[in-house]
Protein backbone atom coordinates (compact mmCIF):
# COMPACT_ATOMS: atom_id res chain seq x y z
CA MET A 1 -39.63 5.32 25.70
CA THR A 2 -36.48 3.26 25.82
CA LYS A 3 -37.55 1.37 22.72
CA ILE A 4 -37.94 4.59 20.75
CA CYS A 5 -34.49 5.83 21.75
CA PHE A 6 -32.98 2.48 20.84
CA ILE A 7 -34.70 2.52 17.45
CA LYS A 8 -33.44 6.05 16.72
CA ILE A 9 -29.89 5.08 17.61
CA LEU A 10 -30.14 1.96 15.47
CA GLN A 11 -31.42 3.98 12.52
CA GLN A 12 -28.62 6.51 12.88
CA THR A 13 -25.98 3.81 12.83
CA LEU A 14 -27.52 2.19 9.75
CA ASN A 15 -27.64 5.50 7.89
CA ILE A 16 -23.88 5.99 8.16
CA LYS A 17 -22.48 5.37 4.69
CA LYS A 18 -18.99 4.31 3.84
CA LYS A 19 -16.95 7.06 2.25
CA ARG A 20 -16.95 6.70 -1.53
CA VAL A 21 -13.61 6.54 -3.23
CA ASN A 22 -13.04 8.94 -6.09
CA PRO A 23 -13.26 6.87 -9.33
CA LYS A 24 -10.13 8.46 -10.79
CA LYS A 25 -8.20 7.71 -7.61
CA MET A 26 -9.44 4.12 -7.66
CA GLN A 27 -8.39 3.73 -11.31
CA ARG A 28 -4.90 5.08 -10.53
CA LYS A 29 -4.59 2.64 -7.65
CA ILE A 30 -5.64 -0.27 -9.87
CA ASN A 31 -3.17 0.70 -12.61
CA LYS A 32 -0.37 1.04 -10.07
CA GLU A 33 -1.08 -2.48 -8.82
CA LYS A 34 -1.16 -3.85 -12.37
CA ASN A 35 2.19 -2.26 -13.24
CA LYS A 36 4.04 -3.80 -10.31
CA PRO A 37 6.80 -6.14 -11.47
CA VAL A 38 5.96 -9.82 -11.51
CA LEU A 39 8.00 -12.13 -9.29
CA SER A 40 10.83 -13.59 -11.33
CA THR A 41 12.57 -16.92 -11.30
CA LYS A 42 16.04 -17.35 -9.86
CA ALA A 43 17.53 -17.56 -13.34
CA GLN A 44 15.93 -14.29 -14.39
CA LEU A 45 17.16 -12.57 -11.23
CA SER A 46 20.72 -13.81 -11.77
CA MET A 47 20.66 -12.63 -15.40
CA GLN A 48 19.45 -9.22 -14.27
CA GLU A 49 22.25 -8.99 -11.70
CA SER A 50 24.89 -9.92 -14.28
CA ARG A 51 23.52 -7.27 -16.69
CA GLU A 52 23.67 -4.62 -13.99
CA GLN A 53 27.24 -5.61 -13.05
CA SER A 54 28.37 -5.43 -16.67
CA LYS A 55 26.67 -2.03 -16.99
CA ILE A 56 28.65 -0.76 -13.98
CA ILE A 57 31.89 -2.12 -15.44
CA ARG A 58 31.19 -0.40 -18.79
CA LYS A 59 30.45 2.91 -17.07
CA LYS A 60 33.73 2.75 -15.10
CA ALA A 61 35.65 1.87 -18.25
CA SER A 62 34.16 4.78 -20.17
CA GLN A 63 34.95 7.21 -17.35
CA THR A 64 38.64 6.27 -17.31
CA ARG A 65 39.06 6.98 -21.03
């Protein structure tokens, strides 16, 4: 009798399926990962910082006019 109970328990655990992910949700997740910005070089980061600083300076200058 103990063998039968063990076999039933084993079968029940094997029948448990992993939850399927909705294909649309999976596609959105993949696209989100693809659209993440790529790591930049130090030169690119410094150029981006200088552009943002000049943008801030231009905005302040235009507000004072």
